[in-house]
């Protein structure tokens, strides 16, 4: 439980409808004093500013009220919108609806009393939506980068499907397969001591400079294939 620091209380609270109800006032002031002043993690769960985890028994022990009195006071606070309560099978979260209004320095000059739950919830939703919108606008648009797949027996050569398709269109399928295997084996044998990284460029250079002992397709066979294709 927090024991350091301070909270602000407005004199307009003197006109609050529960001010004369000792138990309800006690519970509300106790929650103002003990909720988080900044978001914190509790057992992997984010407990936001203005919230705290507690049970009815815990609040009863901390305020010297009975559990029944705590329940009744909480019903009052929920009814008029000062506090919200969310419970699960393992824990309960108590939220002071207008905590920021009570504690933000920007609101120090305001003198309005406590507002209803609907107003507080709508304002919190609007602030959250604006924050998410601003964060979304500032976030860089994701780039759809094509995926480079490993090629060859050892997987050194990495090319996108588009790169393989363009290479095949320019140099033929057999040449591309041969040089992918050739470059892959060369990189494996030397642990890529040449520090190749642009594999598309390396493949093109290997084909142009005729690395290795690749025997290109017989021109006569190519002409015969072309003639057959033309004749239909």
C-alpha atoms as a PDB file:
ATOM      1  CA  UNK A   1       0.000   0.000   0.000  1.00  0.00           C
ATOM      2  CA  UNK A   2       1.292   3.475  -0.915  1.00  0.00           C
ATOM      3  CA  UNK A   3       2.590   5.527   2.013  1.00  0.00           C
ATOM      4  CA  UNK A   4       4.586   8.305   0.328  1.00  0.00           C
ATOM      5  CA  UNK A   5       3.565  11.330  -1.733  1.00  0.00           C
ATOM      6  CA  UNK A   6       0.235  13.152  -1.569  1.00  0.00           C
ATOM      7  CA  UNK A   7      -3.141  13.585  -3.251  1.00  0.00           C
ATOM      8  CA  UNK A   8      -5.227  16.704  -3.909  1.00  0.00           C
ATOM      9  CA  UNK A   9      -8.658  17.165  -2.405  1.00  0.00           C
ATOM     10  CA  UNK A  10     -10.942  19.993  -3.623  1.00  0.00           C
ATOM     11  CA  UNK A  11     -13.088  21.909  -1.135  1.00  0.00           C
ATOM     12  CA  UNK A  12     -16.028  21.314  -3.471  1.00  0.00           C
ATOM     13  CA  UNK A  13     -16.040  17.841  -1.941  1.00  0.00           C
ATOM     14  CA  UNK A  14     -17.812  19.409   1.026  1.00  0.00           C
ATOM     15  CA  UNK A  15     -20.916  19.564  -1.204  1.00  0.00           C
ATOM     16  CA  UNK A  16     -20.569  15.940  -2.295  1.00  0.00           C
ATOM     17  CA  UNK A  17     -23.725  13.917  -1.650  1.00  0.00           C
ATOM     18  CA  UNK A  18     -21.853  11.195   0.299  1.00  0.00           C
ATOM     19  CA  UNK A  19     -19.799  13.580   2.413  1.00  0.00           C
ATOM     20  CA  UNK A  20     -22.014  13.033   5.475  1.00  0.00           C
ATOM     21  CA  UNK A  21     -21.905   9.236   5.047  1.00  0.00           C
ATOM     22  CA  UNK A  22     -18.811   8.365   7.082  1.00  0.00           C
ATOM     23  CA  UNK A  23     -18.290   4.852   5.692  1.00  0.00           C
ATOM     24  CA  UNK A  24     -18.737   5.870   2.047  1.00  0.00           C
ATOM     25  CA  UNK A  25     -16.481   8.907   2.443  1.00  0.00           C
ATOM     26  CA  UNK A  26     -13.870   6.824   4.258  1.00  0.00           C
ATOM     27  CA  UNK A  27     -13.784   4.178   1.542  1.00  0.00           C
ATOM     28  CA  UNK A  28     -13.627   6.742  -1.261  1.00  0.00           C
ATOM     29  CA  UNK A  29     -10.776   8.722   0.334  1.00  0.00           C
ATOM     30  CA  UNK A  30      -8.948   5.475   1.066  1.00  0.00           C
ATOM     31  CA  UNK A  31      -9.188   4.426  -2.587  1.00  0.00           C
ATOM     32  CA  UNK A  32      -7.949   7.858  -3.711  1.00  0.00           C
ATOM     33  CA  UNK A  33      -4.948   7.409  -1.423  1.00  0.00           C
ATOM     34  CA  UNK A  34      -4.127   3.820  -2.430  1.00  0.00           C
ATOM     35  CA  UNK A  35      -4.816   3.431  -6.169  1.00  0.00           C
ATOM     36  CA  UNK A  36      -1.858   3.499  -8.574  1.00  0.00           C
ATOM     37  CA  UNK A  37      -0.559   6.935  -9.555  1.00  0.00           C
ATOM     38  CA  UNK A  38       1.092   5.275 -12.559  1.00  0.00           C
ATOM     39  CA  UNK A  39       0.461   1.977 -14.414  1.00  0.00           C
ATOM     40  CA  UNK A  40       2.014  -1.072 -12.779  1.00  0.00           C
ATOM     41  CA  UNK A  41       2.146  -4.789 -13.479  1.00  0.00           C
ATOM     42  CA  UNK A  42       0.580  -7.205 -10.993  1.00  0.00           C
ATOM     43  CA  UNK A  43       1.113 -10.918 -11.684  1.00  0.00           C
ATOM     44  CA  UNK A  44       1.456 -10.209 -15.393  1.00  0.00           C
ATOM     45  CA  UNK A  45      -1.661  -7.998 -15.496  1.00  0.00           C
ATOM     46  CA  UNK A  46      -1.469  -4.252 -16.187  1.00  0.00           C
ATOM     47  CA  UNK A  47      -3.152  -2.248 -13.429  1.00  0.00           C
ATOM     48  CA  UNK A  48      -3.634   1.284 -14.745  1.00  0.00           C
ATOM     49  CA  UNK A  49      -3.332   4.669 -13.080  1.00  0.00           C
ATOM     50  CA  UNK A  50      -6.315   5.191 -10.785  1.00  0.00           C
ATOM     51  CA  UNK A  51      -6.760   1.461 -10.172  1.00  0.00           C
ATOM     52  CA  UNK A  52      -5.763  -1.050  -7.524  1.00  0.00           C
ATOM     53  CA  UNK A  53      -6.167  -4.744  -6.823  1.00  0.00           C
ATOM     54  CA  UNK A  54      -7.902  -5.623  -3.565  1.00  0.00           C
ATOM     55  CA  UNK A  55     -10.581  -7.751  -1.961  1.00  0.00           C
ATOM     56  CA  UNK A  56     -13.456  -6.626   0.249  1.00  0.00           C
ATOM     57  CA  UNK A  57     -11.628  -8.112   3.220  1.00  0.00           C
ATOM     58  CA  UNK A  58      -8.431  -6.219   2.370  1.00  0.00           C
ATOM     59  CA  UNK A  59     -10.302  -2.917   2.193  1.00  0.00           C
ATOM     60  CA  UNK A  60     -12.097  -3.727   5.433  1.00  0.00           C
ATOM     61  CA  UNK A  61      -8.779  -4.386   7.193  1.00  0.00           C
ATOM     62  CA  UNK A  62      -7.207  -1.191   5.809  1.00  0.00           C
ATOM     63  CA  UNK A  63     -10.130   1.085   6.737  1.00  0.00           C
ATOM     64  CA  UNK A  64     -11.237  -0.625   9.969  1.00  0.00           C
ATOM     65  CA  UNK A  65     -14.702  -1.013   8.451  1.00  0.00           C
ATOM     66  CA  UNK A  66     -16.621  -4.271   8.374  1.00  0.00           C
ATOM     67  CA  UNK A  67     -16.831  -6.199   5.099  1.00  0.00           C
ATOM     68  CA  UNK A  68     -20.566  -5.458   5.053  1.00  0.00           C
ATOM     69  CA  UNK A  69     -19.900  -1.719   5.441  1.00  0.00           C
ATOM     70  CA  UNK A  70     -17.332  -1.848   2.621  1.00  0.00           C
ATOM     71  CA  UNK A  71     -19.848  -3.562   0.341  1.00  0.00           C
ATOM     72  CA  UNK A  72     -22.540  -0.991   1.142  1.00  0.00           C
ATOM     73  CA  UNK A  73     -20.179   1.955   0.677  1.00  0.00           C
ATOM     74  CA  UNK A  74     -18.980   0.507  -2.632  1.00  0.00           C
ATOM     75  CA  UNK A  75     -22.581   0.188  -3.849  1.00  0.00           C
ATOM     76  CA  UNK A  76     -23.051   3.899  -3.106  1.00  0.00           C
ATOM     77  CA  UNK A  77     -19.886   4.859  -5.010  1.00  0.00           C
ATOM     78  CA  UNK A  78     -20.772   2.684  -7.997  1.00  0.00           C
ATOM     79  CA  UNK A  79     -24.338   4.025  -8.030  1.00  0.00           C
ATOM     80  CA  UNK A  80     -23.217   7.643  -8.361  1.00  0.00           C
ATOM     81  CA  UNK A  81     -20.250   6.928 -10.601  1.00  0.00           C
ATOM     82  CA  UNK A  82     -17.241   7.621  -8.377  1.00  0.00           C
ATOM     83  CA  UNK A  83     -15.872   4.068  -8.454  1.00  0.00           C
ATOM     84  CA  UNK A  84     -16.044   1.042 -10.738  1.00  0.00           C
ATOM     85  CA  UNK A  85     -15.427  -2.520  -9.617  1.00  0.00           C
ATOM     86  CA  UNK A  86     -14.441  -5.485 -11.768  1.00  0.00           C
ATOM     87  CA  UNK A  87     -14.112  -8.893 -10.165  1.00  0.00           C
ATOM     88  CA  UNK A  88     -12.837 -12.271 -11.332  1.00  0.00           C
ATOM     89  CA  UNK A  89     -12.537 -15.622  -9.635  1.00  0.00           C
ATOM     90  CA  UNK A  90      -9.055 -14.716  -8.391  1.00  0.00           C
ATOM     91  CA  UNK A  91      -8.917 -10.944  -7.856  1.00  0.00           C
ATOM     92  CA  UNK A  92     -10.858  -7.661  -7.938  1.00  0.00           C
ATOM     93  CA  UNK A  93      -9.903  -4.333  -9.502  1.00  0.00           C
ATOM     94  CA  UNK A  94     -11.223  -1.074  -8.054  1.00  0.00           C
ATOM     95  CA  UNK A  95     -11.121   2.014 -10.292  1.00  0.00           C
ATOM     96  CA  UNK A  96     -11.548   5.651  -9.239  1.00  0.00           C
ATOM     97  CA  UNK A  97     -13.436   6.894 -12.300  1.00  0.00           C
ATOM     98  CA  UNK A  98     -12.262  10.524 -12.345  1.00  0.00           C
ATOM     99  CA  UNK A  99      -8.847   9.962 -10.811  1.00  0.00           C
ATOM    100  CA  UNK A 100      -7.110  12.146 -13.401  1.00  0.00           C
ATOM    101  CA  UNK A 101      -9.541  14.973 -12.717  1.00  0.00           C
ATOM    102  CA  UNK A 102      -8.730  14.831  -9.021  1.00  0.00           C
ATOM    103  CA  UNK A 103      -4.967  14.483  -9.397  1.00  0.00           C
ATOM    104  CA  UNK A 104      -3.780  16.029 -12.695  1.00  0.00           C
ATOM    105  CA  UNK A 105      -2.087  19.399 -12.254  1.00  0.00           C
ATOM    106  CA  UNK A 106      -3.890  20.608 -15.353  1.00  0.00           C
ATOM    107  CA  UNK A 107      -7.171  20.310 -13.453  1.00  0.00           C
ATOM    108  CA  UNK A 108      -5.943  22.055 -10.309  1.00  0.00           C
ATOM    109  CA  UNK A 109      -7.992  25.178 -10.938  1.00  0.00           C
ATOM    110  CA  UNK A 110     -11.254  23.363 -11.503  1.00  0.00           C
ATOM    111  CA  UNK A 111     -13.814  23.384  -8.731  1.00  0.00           C
ATOM    112  CA  UNK A 112     -16.506  21.067 -10.051  1.00  0.00           C
ATOM    113  CA  UNK A 113     -17.656  18.239  -7.835  1.00  0.00           C
ATOM    114  CA  UNK A 114     -17.427  14.570  -8.607  1.00  0.00           C
ATOM    115  CA  UNK A 115     -18.978  13.662 -11.966  1.00  0.00           C
ATOM    116  CA  UNK A 116     -21.042  10.602 -12.868  1.00  0.00           C
ATOM    117  CA  UNK A 117     -19.663   7.298 -14.045  1.00  0.00           C
ATOM    118  CA  UNK A 118     -20.910   7.735 -17.609  1.00  0.00           C
ATOM    119  CA  UNK A 119     -19.045  11.004 -18.081  1.00  0.00           C
ATOM    120  CA  UNK A 120     -15.848   9.577 -16.650  1.00  0.00           C
ATOM    121  CA  UNK A 121     -15.995   6.429 -18.737  1.00  0.00           C
ATOM    122  CA  UNK A 122     -16.750   8.351 -21.937  1.00  0.00           C
ATOM    123  CA  UNK A 123     -13.843  10.699 -21.337  1.00  0.00           C
ATOM    124  CA  UNK A 124     -11.478   7.818 -20.658  1.00  0.00           C
ATOM    125  CA  UNK A 125     -12.622   6.075 -23.836  1.00  0.00           C
ATOM    126  CA  UNK A 126     -12.174   9.259 -25.868  1.00  0.00           C
ATOM    127  CA  UNK A 127      -8.668   9.797 -24.485  1.00  0.00           C
ATOM    128  CA  UNK A 128      -7.729   6.194 -25.173  1.00  0.00           C
ATOM    129  CA  UNK A 129      -9.107   6.359 -28.725  1.00  0.00           C
ATOM    130  CA  UNK A 130      -7.210   9.600 -29.413  1.00  0.00           C
ATOM    131  CA  UNK A 131      -3.979   8.131 -28.046  1.00  0.00           C
ATOM    132  CA  UNK A 132      -4.344   5.003 -30.180  1.00  0.00           C
ATOM    133  CA  UNK A 133      -5.121   7.143 -33.248  1.00  0.00           C
ATOM    134  CA  UNK A 134      -2.057   9.338 -32.660  1.00  0.00           C
ATOM    135  CA  UNK A 135       0.181   6.316 -32.152  1.00  0.00           C
ATOM    136  CA  UNK A 136      -1.206   4.724 -35.304  1.00  0.00           C
ATOM    137  CA  UNK A 137      -0.577   7.901 -37.317  1.00  0.00           C
ATOM    138  CA  UNK A 138       3.012   8.162 -36.058  1.00  0.00           C
ATOM    139  CA  UNK A 139       3.826   4.521 -36.698  1.00  0.00           C
ATOM    140  CA  UNK A 140       5.715   3.896 -39.963  1.00  0.00           C
ATOM    141  CA  UNK A 141       3.792   2.005 -42.573  1.00  0.00           C
ATOM    142  CA  UNK A 142       4.943  -1.608 -42.771  1.00  0.00           C
ATOM    143  CA  UNK A 143       6.931  -2.492 -45.846  1.00  0.00           C
ATOM    144  CA  UNK A 144       5.933  -5.577 -47.808  1.00  0.00           C
ATOM    145  CA  UNK A 145       9.397  -6.954 -48.415  1.00  0.00           C
ATOM    146  CA  UNK A 146       9.569  -9.989 -50.672  1.00  0.00           C
ATOM    147  CA  UNK A 147      10.811 -13.111 -48.932  1.00  0.00           C
ATOM    148  CA  UNK A 148      14.194 -14.479 -49.954  1.00  0.00           C
ATOM    149  CA  UNK A 149      14.200 -18.284 -49.970  1.00  0.00           C
ATOM    150  CA  UNK A 150      17.263 -20.451 -49.498  1.00  0.00           C
ATOM    151  CA  UNK A 151      18.410 -22.059 -52.729  1.00  0.00           C
ATOM    152  CA  UNK A 152      20.828 -24.878 -53.378  1.00  0.00           C
ATOM    153  CA  UNK A 153      21.853 -27.827 -51.268  1.00  0.00           C
ATOM    154  CA  UNK A 154      23.476 -25.764 -48.523  1.00  0.00           C
ATOM    155  CA  UNK A 155      21.138 -22.787 -48.560  1.00  0.00           C
ATOM    156  CA  UNK A 156      23.758 -20.076 -48.981  1.00  0.00           C
ATOM    157  CA  UNK A 157      22.083 -18.569 -52.022  1.00  0.00           C
ATOM    158  CA  UNK A 158      19.012 -16.553 -51.081  1.00  0.00           C
ATOM    159  CA  UNK A 159      16.720 -15.320 -53.853  1.00  0.00           C
ATOM    160  CA  UNK A 160      13.108 -14.229 -54.049  1.00  0.00           C
ATOM    161  CA  UNK A 161      10.769 -16.036 -56.396  1.00  0.00           C
ATOM    162  CA  UNK A 162      10.679 -12.928 -58.607  1.00  0.00           C
ATOM    163  CA  UNK A 163      14.470 -12.858 -58.841  1.00  0.00           C
ATOM    164  CA  UNK A 164      14.571 -16.512 -59.906  1.00  0.00           C
ATOM    165  CA  UNK A 165      11.843 -15.873 -62.449  1.00  0.00           C
ATOM    166  CA  UNK A 166      13.711 -12.919 -63.977  1.00  0.00           C
ATOM    167  CA  UNK A 167      16.997 -14.815 -64.075  1.00  0.00           C
ATOM    168  CA  UNK A 168      15.300 -17.751 -65.775  1.00  0.00           C
ATOM    169  CA  UNK A 169      13.694 -15.486 -68.349  1.00  0.00           C
ATOM    170  CA  UNK A 170      17.072 -13.883 -69.175  1.00  0.00           C
ATOM    171  CA  UNK A 171      19.457 -16.841 -69.020  1.00  0.00           C
ATOM    172  CA  UNK A 172      17.364 -20.019 -69.182  1.00  0.00           C
ATOM    173  CA  UNK A 173      16.332 -22.488 -66.527  1.00  0.00           C
ATOM    174  CA  UNK A 174      19.323 -24.824 -66.899  1.00  0.00           C
ATOM    175  CA  UNK A 175      21.876 -22.027 -66.553  1.00  0.00           C
ATOM    176  CA  UNK A 176      20.171 -20.602 -63.502  1.00  0.00           C
ATOM    177  CA  UNK A 177      19.953 -24.002 -61.790  1.00  0.00           C
ATOM    178  CA  UNK A 178      23.604 -24.726 -62.570  1.00  0.00           C
ATOM    179  CA  UNK A 179      24.909 -21.430 -61.208  1.00  0.00           C
ATOM    180  CA  UNK A 180      22.743 -21.501 -58.102  1.00  0.00           C
ATOM    181  CA  UNK A 181      24.277 -24.887 -57.283  1.00  0.00           C
ATOM    182  CA  UNK A 182      27.768 -23.689 -58.289  1.00  0.00           C
ATOM    183  CA  UNK A 183      27.662 -20.539 -56.164  1.00  0.00           C
ATOM    184  CA  UNK A 184      26.063 -22.395 -53.249  1.00  0.00           C
ATOM    185  CA  UNK A 185      28.803 -25.050 -53.256  1.00  0.00           C
ATOM    186  CA  UNK A 186      31.529 -22.395 -53.590  1.00  0.00           C
ATOM    187  CA  UNK A 187      30.175 -20.491 -50.591  1.00  0.00           C
ATOM    188  CA  UNK A 188      29.957 -23.716 -48.596  1.00  0.00           C
ATOM    189  CA  UNK A 189      33.503 -24.712 -49.469  1.00  0.00           C
ATOM    190  CA  UNK A 190      34.977 -21.376 -48.381  1.00  0.00           C
ATOM    191  CA  UNK A 191      32.413 -20.529 -45.690  1.00  0.00           C
ATOM    192  CA  UNK A 192      31.615 -17.572 -47.920  1.00  0.00           C
ATOM    193  CA  UNK A 193      35.000 -15.963 -47.484  1.00  0.00           C
ATOM    194  CA  UNK A 194      34.106 -13.669 -50.373  1.00  0.00           C
ATOM    195  CA  UNK A 195      31.312 -12.321 -48.156  1.00  0.00           C
ATOM    196  CA  UNK A 196      28.715 -12.542 -50.881  1.00  0.00           C
ATOM    197  CA  UNK A 197      25.385 -11.063 -49.862  1.00  0.00           C
ATOM    198  CA  UNK A 198      23.694  -9.843 -53.046  1.00  0.00           C
ATOM    199  CA  UNK A 199      23.152 -13.326 -54.448  1.00  0.00           C
ATOM    200  CA  UNK A 200      21.142 -12.102 -57.420  1.00  0.00           C
ATOM    201  CA  UNK A 201      24.106  -9.984 -58.517  1.00  0.00           C
ATOM    202  CA  UNK A 202      26.576 -12.821 -57.896  1.00  0.00           C
ATOM    203  CA  UNK A 203      24.524 -15.238 -60.035  1.00  0.00           C
ATOM    204  CA  UNK A 204      24.344 -12.703 -62.882  1.00  0.00           C
ATOM    205  CA  UNK A 205      28.094 -12.069 -62.749  1.00  0.00           C
ATOM    206  CA  UNK A 206      28.844 -15.797 -62.704  1.00  0.00           C
ATOM    207  CA  UNK A 207      26.681 -16.346 -65.789  1.00  0.00           C
ATOM    208  CA  UNK A 208      28.127 -13.376 -67.687  1.00  0.00           C
ATOM    209  CA  UNK A 209      31.724 -14.245 -66.829  1.00  0.00           C
ATOM    210  CA  UNK A 210      31.118 -17.969 -67.411  1.00  0.00           C
ATOM    211  CA  UNK A 211      32.383 -19.215 -64.067  1.00  0.00           C
ATOM    212  CA  UNK A 212      32.813 -22.961 -63.728  1.00  0.00           C
ATOM    213  CA  UNK A 213      32.431 -25.468 -66.537  1.00  0.00           C
ATOM    214  CA  UNK A 214      28.850 -24.896 -67.510  1.00  0.00           C
ATOM    215  CA  UNK A 215      28.050 -26.083 -71.025  1.00  0.00           C
ATOM    216  CA  UNK A 216      25.192 -24.000 -72.440  1.00  0.00           C
ATOM    217  CA  UNK A 217      22.358 -25.578 -74.367  1.00  0.00           C
ATOM    218  CA  UNK A 218      23.234 -26.555 -77.976  1.00  0.00           C
ATOM    219  CA  UNK A 219      22.277 -23.595 -80.211  1.00  0.00           C
ATOM    220  CA  UNK A 220      20.945 -26.029 -82.826  1.00  0.00           C
ATOM    221  CA  UNK A 221      18.648 -27.577 -80.205  1.00  0.00           C
ATOM    222  CA  UNK A 222      17.464 -24.135 -79.175  1.00  0.00           C
ATOM    223  CA  UNK A 223      16.776 -23.239 -82.830  1.00  0.00           C
ATOM    224  CA  UNK A 224      14.914 -26.510 -83.344  1.00  0.00           C
ATOM    225  CA  UNK A 225      12.759 -25.866 -80.244  1.00  0.00           C
ATOM    226  CA  UNK A 226      12.078 -22.352 -81.403  1.00  0.00           C
ATOM    227  CA  UNK A 227      11.110 -23.577 -84.888  1.00  0.00           C
ATOM    228  CA  UNK A 228       8.731 -26.171 -83.427  1.00  0.00           C
ATOM    229  CA  UNK A 229       7.112 -23.553 -81.245  1.00  0.00           C
ATOM    230  CA  UNK A 230       6.714 -21.237 -84.247  1.00  0.00           C
ATOM    231  CA  UNK A 231       5.225 -23.960 -86.436  1.00  0.00           C
ATOM    232  CA  UNK A 232       2.717 -24.785 -83.677  1.00  0.00           C
END
